[in-house]
Amino acid sequence: MIPRTYTHPSVLDGIAAGAAWADPQMDPTRIDWTARRAAAAIPFPLVDGRPVNPAAPTGIRYGRNELGHWGEQQCADAIVTATTVHGGRWLLLIERGDGHGWALPGGYVDPGEDPTDAAFRELAEETGLIEQFSCADETLPARYVPDPRASDEAWMVTTPVHVNLGDGWNVLPPVEGRDDARRAAWVPAVDYDCLAWHLAIAYGGQVFPAHRDLLADILND
């Protein structure tokens, strides 16, 4: 079988527009990988000068699929939970504007930015929720996420930050979808199955594939 090569037209458009998220270099063998590999949250190999996804294969051997970068893209995601006076746990999610489902608020870590700071920044940008409440946060280890937009040469690694707003809420803090989030909502999250069921029934939606394992680990712990 001939290895599949694919880069989405939106990536090419991003390169043409000079977007910060899109590597302008079309040939990954021309990139100096020394610094990128040193900064990687999860080590990855090079084969013939090309980066290889540590969780490959994805089905697309060469090219970037829908991701703008070559190699690892570091992201940060905010896992915001709150418990009501009745003892129910709720999780804050956003509906992605690209049609990939419901996800944790999050996004790219800017160069030189601390991942925890990035998670709070993205939380405010996508939901309007800012760090104005008494809360406890825990930055978890970086982990590979199976993003459906990835390829064998471009993939996502996220640093999850768990933000617990505490117990005893009568009314959960107001949120709204902003930036590239279509909407934001508090979703009941006793466990992962409860979360997925509610999204399907209430919104006809599903969990963003990249976040399914992560949320199952957190909610079923």
N, C-alpha and C. Protein backbone atom coordinates (compact mmCIF):
# COMPACT_ATOMS: atom_id res chain seq x y z
N MET A 1 0.84 -1.19 0.00
CA MET A 1 0.00 0.00 0.00
C MET A 1 0.89 1.25 0.00
N ILE A 2 0.56 2.19 -0.87
CA ILE A 2 1.33 3.43 -0.94
C ILE A 2 0.93 4.33 0.23
N PRO A 3 1.91 4.81 1.03
CA PRO A 3 1.57 5.69 2.16
C PRO A 3 0.81 6.92 1.70
N ARG A 4 -0.25 7.25 2.41
CA ARG A 4 -1.08 8.39 2.02
C ARG A 4 -0.40 9.70 2.37
N THR A 5 -0.49 10.66 1.46
CA THR A 5 0.04 12.01 1.67
C THR A 5 -1.12 12.99 1.60
N TYR A 6 -1.25 13.85 2.62
CA TYR A 6 -2.38 14.79 2.59
C TYR A 6 -2.12 15.98 3.49
N THR A 7 -2.38 17.15 2.97
CA THR A 7 -2.40 18.39 3.74
C THR A 7 -3.67 19.15 3.33
N HIS A 8 -4.47 19.51 4.32
CA HIS A 8 -5.76 20.16 4.05
C HIS A 8 -5.56 21.53 3.41
N PRO A 9 -6.43 21.92 2.49
CA PRO A 9 -6.31 23.24 1.86
C PRO A 9 -6.28 24.40 2.85
N SER A 10 -6.94 24.25 4.00
CA SER A 10 -6.95 25.33 4.99
C SER A 10 -5.55 25.61 5.52
N VAL A 11 -4.70 24.58 5.57
CA VAL A 11 -3.32 24.78 6.01
C VAL A 11 -2.56 25.59 4.97
N LEU A 12 -2.77 25.26 3.72
CA LEU A 12 -2.12 26.00 2.65
C LEU A 12 -2.59 27.45 2.63
N ASP A 13 -3.88 27.66 2.91
CA ASP A 13 -4.42 29.02 3.00
C ASP A 13 -3.77 29.77 4.16
N GLY A 14 -3.58 29.07 5.29
CA GLY A 14 -2.95 29.69 6.44
C GLY A 14 -1.51 30.10 6.15
N ILE A 15 -0.80 29.25 5.44
CA ILE A 15 0.57 29.58 5.07
C ILE A 15 0.59 30.81 4.17
N ALA A 16 -0.31 30.82 3.18
CA ALA A 16 -0.37 31.94 2.24
C ALA A 16 -0.70 33.25 2.95
N ALA A 17 -1.51 33.15 4.03
CA ALA A 17 -1.91 34.35 4.76
C ALA A 17 -0.90 34.75 5.83
N GLY A 18 0.14 33.94 6.01
CA GLY A 18 1.14 34.24 7.04
C GLY A 18 0.65 34.01 8.45
N ALA A 19 -0.30 33.09 8.62
CA ALA A 19 -0.86 32.82 9.94
C ALA A 19 0.20 32.23 10.87
N ALA A 20 0.16 32.65 12.13
CA ALA A 20 1.17 32.22 13.10
C ALA A 20 1.12 30.72 13.36
N TRP A 21 -0.06 30.11 13.18
CA TRP A 21 -0.20 28.69 13.49
C TRP A 21 0.30 27.78 12.37
N ALA A 22 0.62 28.35 11.22
CA ALA A 22 0.99 27.54 10.07
C ALA A 22 2.48 27.67 9.76
N ASP A 23 3.23 26.57 9.90
CA ASP A 23 4.64 26.58 9.51
C ASP A 23 4.75 26.93 8.03
N PRO A 24 5.54 27.93 7.69
CA PRO A 24 5.66 28.28 6.28
C PRO A 24 6.47 27.28 5.46
N GLN A 25 7.30 26.50 6.14
CA GLN A 25 8.16 25.55 5.42
C GLN A 25 7.34 24.35 4.92
N MET A 26 7.39 24.11 3.63
CA MET A 26 6.64 23.01 3.06
C MET A 26 7.38 21.68 3.15
N ASP A 27 8.69 21.72 3.28
CA ASP A 27 9.49 20.51 3.33
C ASP A 27 10.06 20.34 4.74
N PRO A 28 9.57 19.37 5.52
CA PRO A 28 10.03 19.24 6.91
C PRO A 28 11.50 18.87 7.04
N THR A 29 12.11 18.33 5.98
CA THR A 29 13.52 17.97 6.07
C THR A 29 14.41 19.21 6.08
N ARG A 30 13.87 20.36 5.77
CA ARG A 30 14.64 21.60 5.78
C ARG A 30 14.59 22.31 7.14
N ILE A 31 13.80 21.76 8.07
CA ILE A 31 13.68 22.34 9.41
C ILE A 31 14.82 21.86 10.30
N ASP A 32 15.36 22.77 11.10
CA ASP A 32 16.34 22.39 12.12
C ASP A 32 15.56 21.84 13.31
N TRP A 33 15.57 20.54 13.48
CA TRP A 33 14.75 19.92 14.51
C TRP A 33 15.40 19.89 15.89
N THR A 34 16.59 20.38 16.01
CA THR A 34 17.29 20.30 17.30
C THR A 34 16.51 21.01 18.40
N ALA A 35 16.13 22.26 18.16
CA ALA A 35 15.42 23.04 19.18
C ALA A 35 14.02 22.49 19.41
N ARG A 36 13.34 22.10 18.35
CA ARG A 36 11.97 21.60 18.50
C ARG A 36 11.93 20.30 19.29
N ARG A 37 12.87 19.43 19.02
CA ARG A 37 12.89 18.17 19.77
C ARG A 37 13.30 18.38 21.22
N ALA A 38 14.17 19.35 21.46
CA ALA A 38 14.59 19.64 22.84
C ALA A 38 13.44 20.20 23.65
N ALA A 39 12.55 20.96 22.99
CA ALA A 39 11.43 21.59 23.69
C ALA A 39 10.20 20.70 23.75
N ALA A 40 10.22 19.56 23.10
CA ALA A 40 9.04 18.70 23.02
C ALA A 40 8.66 18.15 24.39
N ALA A 41 7.37 18.12 24.66
CA ALA A 41 6.88 17.55 25.91
C ALA A 41 6.97 16.03 25.89
N ILE A 42 6.85 15.45 24.70
CA ILE A 42 6.95 14.00 24.53
C ILE A 42 7.96 13.73 23.42
N PRO A 43 9.03 12.99 23.71
CA PRO A 43 10.07 12.75 22.70
C PRO A 43 9.49 12.10 21.44
N PHE A 44 10.07 12.45 20.31
CA PHE A 44 9.63 11.83 19.06
C PHE A 44 10.84 11.64 18.14
N PRO A 45 10.79 10.63 17.28
CA PRO A 45 11.93 10.35 16.40
C PRO A 45 11.85 11.12 15.09
N LEU A 46 12.95 11.13 14.40
CA LEU A 46 13.02 11.61 13.02
C LEU A 46 13.37 10.42 12.14
N VAL A 47 12.76 10.34 10.98
CA VAL A 47 13.09 9.32 10.00
C VAL A 47 13.34 10.02 8.68
N ASP A 48 14.55 9.92 8.20
CA ASP A 48 14.95 10.62 6.97
C ASP A 48 14.69 12.12 7.08
N GLY A 49 14.92 12.66 8.27
CA GLY A 49 14.76 14.09 8.49
C GLY A 49 13.33 14.55 8.67
N ARG A 50 12.39 13.61 8.78
CA ARG A 50 10.97 13.96 8.92
C ARG A 50 10.48 13.52 10.30
N PRO A 51 9.65 14.35 10.97
CA PRO A 51 9.16 13.99 12.30
C PRO A 51 8.18 12.82 12.22
N VAL A 52 8.17 11.99 13.24
CA VAL A 52 7.26 10.85 13.28
C VAL A 52 6.45 10.90 14.57
N ASN A 53 5.15 10.94 14.41
CA ASN A 53 4.21 10.93 15.52
C ASN A 53 4.51 9.75 16.45
N PRO A 54 4.71 10.00 17.76
CA PRO A 54 5.02 8.89 18.69
C PRO A 54 3.88 7.90 18.84
N ALA A 55 2.68 8.27 18.38
CA ALA A 55 1.53 7.36 18.45
C ALA A 55 1.08 6.91 17.06
N ALA A 56 1.93 7.08 16.06
CA ALA A 56 1.59 6.69 14.69
C ALA A 56 1.34 5.17 14.63
N PRO A 57 0.61 4.69 13.61
CA PRO A 57 0.15 5.44 12.43
C PRO A 57 -1.23 6.05 12.60
N THR A 58 -1.48 7.10 11.85
CA THR A 58 -2.77 7.78 11.88
C THR A 58 -3.58 7.52 10.62
N GLY A 59 -2.94 6.99 9.59
CA GLY A 59 -3.61 6.80 8.31
C GLY A 59 -3.09 7.77 7.26
N ILE A 60 -2.42 8.84 7.71
CA ILE A 60 -1.79 9.80 6.80
C ILE A 60 -0.31 9.84 7.14
N ARG A 61 0.51 9.23 6.29
CA ARG A 61 1.93 9.10 6.60
C ARG A 61 2.69 10.40 6.37
N TYR A 62 2.41 11.07 5.27
CA TYR A 62 3.14 12.30 4.93
C TYR A 62 2.18 13.46 4.81
N GLY A 63 2.66 14.65 5.21
CA GLY A 63 1.80 15.83 5.18
C GLY A 63 1.29 16.17 6.57
N ARG A 64 0.45 17.22 6.64
CA ARG A 64 0.02 17.73 7.95
C ARG A 64 -1.46 17.55 8.24
N ASN A 65 -2.20 16.90 7.32
CA ASN A 65 -3.64 16.78 7.48
C ASN A 65 -4.22 18.17 7.74
N GLU A 66 -4.93 18.39 8.87
CA GLU A 66 -5.55 19.70 9.14
C GLU A 66 -4.74 20.55 10.11
N LEU A 67 -3.57 20.10 10.52
CA LEU A 67 -2.76 20.86 11.48
C LEU A 67 -1.72 21.70 10.74
N GLY A 68 -1.47 22.88 11.26
CA GLY A 68 -0.60 23.81 10.57
C GLY A 68 0.88 23.61 10.79
N HIS A 69 1.23 22.93 11.87
CA HIS A 69 2.63 22.79 12.24
C HIS A 69 3.18 21.46 11.75
N TRP A 70 4.49 21.34 11.76
CA TRP A 70 5.15 20.05 11.61
C TRP A 70 5.55 19.57 13.00
N GLY A 71 5.42 18.27 13.26
CA GLY A 71 5.84 17.73 14.54
C GLY A 71 4.83 18.01 15.65
N GLU A 72 5.34 18.14 16.87
CA GLU A 72 4.49 18.33 18.04
C GLU A 72 4.00 19.76 18.16
N GLN A 73 2.69 19.92 18.38
CA GLN A 73 2.11 21.21 18.74
C GLN A 73 1.66 21.13 20.19
N GLN A 74 2.21 21.97 21.04
CA GLN A 74 1.84 21.96 22.45
C GLN A 74 0.61 22.83 22.69
N CYS A 75 -0.34 22.25 23.39
CA CYS A 75 -1.58 22.94 23.75
C CYS A 75 -1.78 22.85 25.27
N ALA A 76 -2.78 23.56 25.74
CA ALA A 76 -3.18 23.47 27.14
C ALA A 76 -4.70 23.50 27.19
N ASP A 77 -5.28 22.69 28.06
CA ASP A 77 -6.73 22.60 28.18
C ASP A 77 -7.15 22.77 29.64
N ALA A 78 -8.24 23.49 29.84
CA ALA A 78 -8.76 23.74 31.19
C ALA A 78 -9.90 22.76 31.48
N ILE A 79 -9.73 21.96 32.52
CA ILE A 79 -10.77 21.05 32.97
C ILE A 79 -11.44 21.70 34.18
N VAL A 80 -12.51 22.43 33.94
CA VAL A 80 -13.15 23.21 35.00
C VAL A 80 -14.36 22.46 35.53
N THR A 81 -14.34 22.15 36.84
CA THR A 81 -15.45 21.45 37.47
C THR A 81 -15.99 22.27 38.63
N ALA A 82 -17.26 22.03 38.91
CA ALA A 82 -17.92 22.66 40.05
C ALA A 82 -19.00 21.71 40.55
N THR A 83 -19.27 21.75 41.84
CA THR A 83 -20.28 20.88 42.44
C THR A 83 -21.40 21.71 43.02
N THR A 84 -22.64 21.35 42.72
CA THR A 84 -23.79 22.12 43.19
C THR A 84 -24.15 21.73 44.62
N VAL A 85 -25.10 22.47 45.17
CA VAL A 85 -25.54 22.21 46.54
C VAL A 85 -26.16 20.82 46.67
N HIS A 86 -26.62 20.27 45.55
CA HIS A 86 -27.24 18.94 45.57
C HIS A 86 -26.20 17.83 45.39
N GLY A 87 -24.94 18.20 45.25
CA GLY A 87 -23.88 17.21 45.17
C GLY A 87 -23.53 16.76 43.76
N GLY A 88 -24.13 17.36 42.74
CA GLY A 88 -23.83 16.97 41.37
C GLY A 88 -22.60 17.69 40.83
N ARG A 89 -21.74 16.93 40.17
CA ARG A 89 -20.54 17.53 39.56
C ARG A 89 -20.85 17.96 38.12
N TRP A 90 -20.38 19.15 37.75
CA TRP A 90 -20.59 19.69 36.42
C TRP A 90 -19.24 20.07 35.81
N LEU A 91 -19.17 19.96 34.50
CA LEU A 91 -17.94 20.25 33.76
C LEU A 91 -18.23 21.30 32.70
N LEU A 92 -17.33 22.23 32.53
CA LEU A 92 -17.47 23.28 31.53
C LEU A 92 -16.89 22.82 30.19
N LEU A 93 -17.72 22.84 29.15
CA LEU A 93 -17.29 22.47 27.81
C LEU A 93 -17.66 23.55 26.81
N ILE A 94 -16.97 23.53 25.68
CA ILE A 94 -17.32 24.43 24.58
C ILE A 94 -17.64 23.58 23.35
N GLU A 95 -18.56 24.07 22.54
CA GLU A 95 -18.80 23.43 21.25
C GLU A 95 -17.87 24.08 20.23
N ARG A 96 -17.03 23.29 19.62
CA ARG A 96 -16.05 23.80 18.68
C ARG A 96 -16.74 24.37 17.44
N GLY A 97 -16.17 25.43 16.92
CA GLY A 97 -16.73 26.04 15.73
C GLY A 97 -16.42 25.30 14.45
N ASP A 98 -15.50 24.30 14.51
CA ASP A 98 -15.11 23.58 13.30
C ASP A 98 -15.89 22.30 13.09
N GLY A 99 -16.89 22.05 13.96
CA GLY A 99 -17.72 20.88 13.79
C GLY A 99 -17.18 19.59 14.36
N HIS A 100 -16.07 19.66 15.11
CA HIS A 100 -15.47 18.45 15.67
C HIS A 100 -16.05 18.08 17.03
N GLY A 101 -17.12 18.73 17.47
CA GLY A 101 -17.80 18.31 18.69
C GLY A 101 -17.54 19.22 19.88
N TRP A 102 -17.82 18.68 21.07
CA TRP A 102 -17.70 19.40 22.33
C TRP A 102 -16.36 19.08 22.97
N ALA A 103 -15.69 20.13 23.43
CA ALA A 103 -14.31 19.97 23.90
C ALA A 103 -14.07 20.79 25.15
N LEU A 104 -12.94 20.54 25.77
CA LEU A 104 -12.47 21.39 26.86
C LEU A 104 -12.03 22.73 26.30
N PRO A 105 -12.25 23.82 27.03
CA PRO A 105 -11.67 25.09 26.59
C PRO A 105 -10.15 24.98 26.57
N GLY A 106 -9.54 25.38 25.49
CA GLY A 106 -8.09 25.26 25.39
C GLY A 106 -7.58 25.69 24.03
N GLY A 107 -6.28 25.59 23.86
CA GLY A 107 -5.68 25.98 22.60
C GLY A 107 -4.17 25.96 22.66
N TYR A 108 -3.56 26.57 21.67
CA TYR A 108 -2.10 26.55 21.56
C TYR A 108 -1.42 27.28 22.71
N VAL A 109 -0.28 26.74 23.12
CA VAL A 109 0.60 27.44 24.04
C VAL A 109 1.51 28.34 23.21
N ASP A 110 1.48 29.63 23.47
CA ASP A 110 2.31 30.56 22.72
C ASP A 110 3.80 30.34 23.06
N PRO A 111 4.70 30.67 22.15
CA PRO A 111 6.13 30.52 22.43
C PRO A 111 6.53 31.23 23.72
N GLY A 112 7.20 30.49 24.61
CA GLY A 112 7.64 31.06 25.88
C GLY A 112 6.57 31.13 26.95
N GLU A 113 5.33 30.75 26.64
CA GLU A 113 4.22 30.84 27.59
C GLU A 113 4.18 29.60 28.48
N ASP A 114 3.88 29.80 29.76
CA ASP A 114 3.70 28.67 30.67
C ASP A 114 2.37 27.98 30.34
N PRO A 115 2.34 26.64 30.25
CA PRO A 115 1.09 25.96 29.89
C PRO A 115 -0.08 26.25 30.83
N THR A 116 0.20 26.41 32.12
CA THR A 116 -0.89 26.74 33.05
C THR A 116 -1.48 28.10 32.72
N ASP A 117 -0.63 29.07 32.44
CA ASP A 117 -1.11 30.39 32.04
C ASP A 117 -1.91 30.30 30.74
N ALA A 118 -1.45 29.46 29.82
CA ALA A 118 -2.14 29.31 28.54
C ALA A 118 -3.54 28.74 28.75
N ALA A 119 -3.68 27.78 29.67
CA ALA A 119 -4.98 27.18 29.92
C ALA A 119 -5.97 28.22 30.45
N PHE A 120 -5.52 29.07 31.39
CA PHE A 120 -6.40 30.12 31.91
C PHE A 120 -6.70 31.17 30.86
N ARG A 121 -5.72 31.49 30.02
CA ARG A 121 -5.96 32.47 28.95
C ARG A 121 -7.02 31.95 27.98
N GLU A 122 -6.86 30.70 27.56
CA GLU A 122 -7.82 30.12 26.62
C GLU A 122 -9.21 30.00 27.26
N LEU A 123 -9.25 29.68 28.54
CA LEU A 123 -10.52 29.58 29.25
C LEU A 123 -11.28 30.91 29.18
N ALA A 124 -10.58 32.00 29.45
CA ALA A 124 -11.21 33.32 29.40
C ALA A 124 -11.62 33.68 27.97
N GLU A 125 -10.75 33.38 27.00
CA GLU A 125 -11.03 33.75 25.62
C GLU A 125 -12.22 33.00 25.04
N GLU A 126 -12.40 31.74 25.44
CA GLU A 126 -13.43 30.92 24.82
C GLU A 126 -14.74 30.87 25.59
N THR A 127 -14.72 31.18 26.89
CA THR A 127 -15.95 31.07 27.68
C THR A 127 -16.32 32.33 28.44
N GLY A 128 -15.39 33.28 28.55
CA GLY A 128 -15.63 34.47 29.35
C GLY A 128 -15.41 34.26 30.82
N LEU A 129 -15.08 33.03 31.24
CA LEU A 129 -14.84 32.74 32.65
C LEU A 129 -13.40 33.10 32.98
N ILE A 130 -13.24 33.96 33.95
CA ILE A 130 -11.90 34.36 34.35
C ILE A 130 -11.64 33.91 35.78
N GLU A 131 -10.38 33.97 36.18
CA GLU A 131 -9.99 33.47 37.50
C GLU A 131 -10.39 34.47 38.58
N GLN A 132 -11.72 34.56 38.79
CA GLN A 132 -12.22 35.49 39.79
C GLN A 132 -12.86 34.75 40.97
N PHE A 133 -12.82 33.44 40.91
CA PHE A 133 -13.43 32.64 41.96
C PHE A 133 -12.34 31.99 42.81
N SER A 134 -12.72 31.63 44.02
CA SER A 134 -11.82 30.87 44.86
C SER A 134 -11.77 29.44 44.31
N CYS A 135 -10.62 29.03 43.83
CA CYS A 135 -10.55 27.72 43.20
C CYS A 135 -9.20 27.08 43.48
N ALA A 136 -9.16 25.79 43.25
CA ALA A 136 -7.91 25.05 43.34
C ALA A 136 -7.58 24.53 41.96
N ASP A 137 -6.33 24.73 41.52
CA ASP A 137 -5.97 24.22 40.21
C ASP A 137 -4.76 23.31 40.32
N GLU A 138 -4.74 22.31 39.45
CA GLU A 138 -3.66 21.33 39.43
C GLU A 138 -3.24 21.13 37.98
N THR A 139 -1.98 21.37 37.70
CA THR A 139 -1.46 21.14 36.36
C THR A 139 -1.00 19.70 36.26
N LEU A 140 -1.60 18.97 35.33
CA LEU A 140 -1.32 17.55 35.15
C LEU A 140 -0.22 17.35 34.11
N PRO A 141 0.39 16.16 34.07
CA PRO A 141 1.45 15.93 33.09
C PRO A 141 0.96 16.06 31.65
N ALA A 142 1.83 16.54 30.80
CA ALA A 142 1.50 16.63 29.37
C ALA A 142 1.21 15.23 28.82
N ARG A 143 0.28 15.16 27.87
CA ARG A 143 -0.08 13.87 27.29
C ARG A 143 -0.44 14.02 25.82
N TYR A 144 -0.17 12.98 25.08
CA TYR A 144 -0.57 12.93 23.68
C TYR A 144 -2.08 12.82 23.61
N VAL A 145 -2.70 13.53 22.65
CA VAL A 145 -4.14 13.40 22.43
C VAL A 145 -4.39 13.00 20.98
N PRO A 146 -5.30 12.05 20.75
CA PRO A 146 -5.55 11.55 19.40
C PRO A 146 -6.44 12.50 18.60
N ASP A 147 -5.89 13.62 18.21
CA ASP A 147 -6.64 14.63 17.49
C ASP A 147 -7.00 14.11 16.09
N PRO A 148 -8.26 14.21 15.68
CA PRO A 148 -8.65 13.69 14.36
C PRO A 148 -8.05 14.48 13.20
N ARG A 149 -7.47 15.64 13.49
CA ARG A 149 -6.86 16.46 12.44
C ARG A 149 -5.39 16.12 12.23
N ALA A 150 -4.85 15.19 13.00
CA ALA A 150 -3.42 14.91 12.99
C ALA A 150 -3.01 13.99 11.85
N SER A 151 -1.70 13.92 11.66
CA SER A 151 -1.10 12.97 10.72
C SER A 151 0.09 12.32 11.42
N ASP A 152 0.82 11.49 10.67
CA ASP A 152 2.03 10.89 11.24
C ASP A 152 3.15 11.93 11.40
N GLU A 153 2.97 13.11 10.80
CA GLU A 153 4.02 14.13 10.84
C GLU A 153 3.59 15.41 11.56
N ALA A 154 2.35 15.45 12.06
CA ALA A 154 1.84 16.63 12.77
C ALA A 154 0.83 16.14 13.80
N TRP A 155 1.03 16.49 15.06
CA TRP A 155 0.18 15.95 16.11
C TRP A 155 0.09 16.91 17.29
N MET A 156 -0.83 16.60 18.21
CA MET A 156 -1.10 17.45 19.36
C MET A 156 -0.68 16.78 20.67
N VAL A 157 -0.10 17.59 21.54
CA VAL A 157 0.19 17.20 22.92
C VAL A 157 -0.39 18.29 23.81
N THR A 158 -1.14 17.91 24.84
CA THR A 158 -1.75 18.93 25.69
C THR A 158 -1.29 18.80 27.14
N THR A 159 -1.29 19.94 27.82
CA THR A 159 -1.08 19.97 29.27
C THR A 159 -2.44 20.29 29.89
N PRO A 160 -3.08 19.33 30.55
CA PRO A 160 -4.38 19.58 31.17
C PRO A 160 -4.21 20.31 32.51
N VAL A 161 -5.05 21.27 32.76
CA VAL A 161 -5.05 21.98 34.04
C VAL A 161 -6.44 21.82 34.65
N HIS A 162 -6.52 21.11 35.77
CA HIS A 162 -7.80 20.89 36.45
C HIS A 162 -8.09 22.06 37.37
N VAL A 163 -9.18 22.74 37.11
CA VAL A 163 -9.60 23.88 37.91
C VAL A 163 -10.89 23.51 38.63
N ASN A 164 -10.81 23.37 39.95
CA ASN A 164 -11.98 22.98 40.75
C ASN A 164 -12.54 24.22 41.43
N LEU A 165 -13.75 24.60 41.02
CA LEU A 165 -14.39 25.79 41.60
C LEU A 165 -15.06 25.50 42.93
N GLY A 166 -15.00 24.26 43.38
CA GLY A 166 -15.49 23.95 44.71
C GLY A 166 -16.94 23.50 44.76
N ASP A 167 -17.44 23.38 45.99
CA ASP A 167 -18.78 22.83 46.23
C ASP A 167 -19.76 23.94 46.59
N GLY A 168 -21.05 23.55 46.64
CA GLY A 168 -22.08 24.40 47.20
C GLY A 168 -22.65 25.45 46.26
N TRP A 169 -22.51 25.26 44.95
CA TRP A 169 -23.04 26.25 44.02
C TRP A 169 -24.56 26.10 43.86
N ASN A 170 -25.27 27.21 44.06
CA ASN A 170 -26.70 27.24 43.76
C ASN A 170 -26.91 27.49 42.27
N VAL A 171 -26.16 28.43 41.73
CA VAL A 171 -26.19 28.75 40.30
C VAL A 171 -24.75 28.76 39.80
N LEU A 172 -24.49 28.00 38.78
CA LEU A 172 -23.13 27.93 38.25
C LEU A 172 -22.76 29.24 37.55
N PRO A 173 -21.48 29.60 37.53
CA PRO A 173 -21.05 30.87 36.93
C PRO A 173 -21.48 30.95 35.46
N PRO A 174 -21.93 32.14 35.03
CA PRO A 174 -22.35 32.29 33.63
C PRO A 174 -21.17 32.16 32.67
N VAL A 175 -21.42 31.53 31.53
CA VAL A 175 -20.40 31.37 30.49
C VAL A 175 -21.07 31.58 29.13
N GLU A 176 -20.24 31.90 28.15
CA GLU A 176 -20.75 32.04 26.78
C GLU A 176 -19.63 31.70 25.80
N GLY A 177 -20.02 31.18 24.66
CA GLY A 177 -19.04 30.83 23.65
C GLY A 177 -18.43 32.07 23.02
N ARG A 178 -17.12 32.14 23.01
CA ARG A 178 -16.40 33.28 22.43
C ARG A 178 -15.27 32.78 21.56
N ASP A 179 -14.62 33.70 20.86
CA ASP A 179 -13.47 33.38 20.02
C ASP A 179 -13.90 32.33 19.00
N ASP A 180 -13.24 31.14 18.98
CA ASP A 180 -13.61 30.12 18.00
C ASP A 180 -14.54 29.06 18.59
N ALA A 181 -15.17 29.36 19.75
CA ALA A 181 -16.14 28.45 20.36
C ALA A 181 -17.55 28.87 19.94
N ARG A 182 -18.32 27.93 19.42
CA ARG A 182 -19.69 28.23 19.00
C ARG A 182 -20.57 28.54 20.21
N ARG A 183 -20.39 27.80 21.28
CA ARG A 183 -21.11 28.06 22.53
C ARG A 183 -20.37 27.37 23.67
N ALA A 184 -20.72 27.75 24.88
CA ALA A 184 -20.14 27.16 26.08
C ALA A 184 -21.28 26.75 27.00
N ALA A 185 -21.08 25.66 27.73
CA ALA A 185 -22.15 25.19 28.60
C ALA A 185 -21.58 24.34 29.73
N TRP A 186 -22.29 24.36 30.85
CA TRP A 186 -22.00 23.44 31.95
C TRP A 186 -22.74 22.14 31.68
N VAL A 187 -22.05 21.03 31.79
CA VAL A 187 -22.61 19.72 31.47
C VAL A 187 -22.48 18.81 32.69
N PRO A 188 -23.56 18.10 33.07
CA PRO A 188 -23.45 17.19 34.21
C PRO A 188 -22.42 16.10 33.92
N ALA A 189 -21.55 15.84 34.91
CA ALA A 189 -20.42 14.95 34.67
C ALA A 189 -20.15 14.06 35.88
N VAL A 190 -21.15 13.28 36.27
CA VAL A 190 -20.95 12.31 37.34
C VAL A 190 -19.83 11.35 36.95
N ASP A 191 -19.85 10.92 35.68
CA ASP A 191 -18.78 10.14 35.10
C ASP A 191 -18.78 10.40 33.59
N TYR A 192 -17.90 9.74 32.87
CA TYR A 192 -17.79 10.03 31.44
C TYR A 192 -19.05 9.63 30.68
N ASP A 193 -19.64 8.49 31.01
CA ASP A 193 -20.85 8.05 30.31
C ASP A 193 -21.98 9.04 30.49
N CYS A 194 -22.10 9.58 31.71
CA CYS A 194 -23.12 10.60 31.98
C CYS A 194 -22.90 11.83 31.10
N LEU A 195 -21.67 12.25 31.00
CA LEU A 195 -21.32 13.41 30.17
C LEU A 195 -21.69 13.17 28.71
N ALA A 196 -21.26 12.03 28.16
CA ALA A 196 -21.52 11.72 26.76
C ALA A 196 -23.02 11.60 26.49
N TRP A 197 -23.73 10.98 27.41
CA TRP A 197 -25.18 10.82 27.25
C TRP A 197 -25.87 12.18 27.22
N HIS A 198 -25.50 13.07 28.13
CA HIS A 198 -26.13 14.38 28.18
C HIS A 198 -25.86 15.17 26.90
N LEU A 199 -24.64 15.14 26.40
CA LEU A 199 -24.34 15.86 25.17
C LEU A 199 -25.18 15.34 24.01
N ALA A 200 -25.35 14.03 23.95
CA ALA A 200 -26.13 13.45 22.87
C ALA A 200 -27.61 13.82 22.98
N ILE A 201 -28.16 13.77 24.19
CA ILE A 201 -29.59 14.04 24.39
C ILE A 201 -29.90 15.53 24.31
N ALA A 202 -29.12 16.34 24.99
CA ALA A 202 -29.43 17.77 25.09
C ALA A 202 -29.01 18.56 23.85
N TYR A 203 -27.92 18.14 23.20
CA TYR A 203 -27.37 18.95 22.12
C TYR A 203 -27.21 18.18 20.80
N GLY A 204 -27.49 16.88 20.82
CA GLY A 204 -27.23 16.08 19.62
C GLY A 204 -25.76 16.08 19.27
N GLY A 205 -24.90 16.18 20.30
CA GLY A 205 -23.47 16.32 20.08
C GLY A 205 -22.67 15.16 20.65
N GLN A 206 -21.37 15.24 20.47
CA GLN A 206 -20.46 14.24 21.00
C GLN A 206 -19.17 14.89 21.47
N VAL A 207 -18.43 14.17 22.27
CA VAL A 207 -17.16 14.68 22.79
C VAL A 207 -16.12 14.69 21.67
N PHE A 208 -15.38 15.77 21.58
CA PHE A 208 -14.25 15.89 20.65
C PHE A 208 -13.35 14.66 20.83
N PRO A 209 -13.07 13.90 19.75
CA PRO A 209 -12.30 12.66 19.90
C PRO A 209 -10.98 12.81 20.65
N ALA A 210 -10.31 13.95 20.50
CA ALA A 210 -9.02 14.13 21.16
C ALA A 210 -9.15 14.18 22.68
N HIS A 211 -10.35 14.47 23.18
CA HIS A 211 -10.52 14.64 24.63
C HIS A 211 -11.24 13.47 25.31
N ARG A 212 -11.62 12.46 24.54
CA ARG A 212 -12.40 11.36 25.14
C ARG A 212 -11.61 10.60 26.19
N ASP A 213 -10.42 10.15 25.87
CA ASP A 213 -9.63 9.39 26.84
C ASP A 213 -9.25 10.25 28.04
N LEU A 214 -8.90 11.51 27.78
CA LEU A 214 -8.52 12.42 28.86
C LEU A 214 -9.67 12.61 29.83
N LEU A 215 -10.87 12.86 29.31
CA LEU A 215 -12.03 13.08 30.19
C LEU A 215 -12.44 11.80 30.90
N ALA A 216 -12.35 10.69 30.22
CA ALA A 216 -12.67 9.42 30.88
C ALA A 216 -11.72 9.17 32.05
N ASP A 217 -10.45 9.47 31.87
CA ASP A 217 -9.49 9.28 32.96
C ASP A 217 -9.81 10.19 34.14
N ILE A 218 -10.18 11.44 33.86
CA ILE A 218 -10.45 12.40 34.94
C ILE A 218 -11.77 12.10 35.63
N LEU A 219 -12.82 11.87 34.86
CA LEU A 219 -14.16 11.73 35.44
C LEU A 219 -14.42 10.37 36.06
N ASN A 220 -13.71 9.36 35.60
CA ASN A 220 -13.93 8.01 36.13
C ASN A 220 -12.92 7.63 37.22
N ASP A 221 -12.06 8.58 37.58
CA ASP A 221 -11.05 8.31 38.60
C ASP A 221 -11.70 8.13 39.97
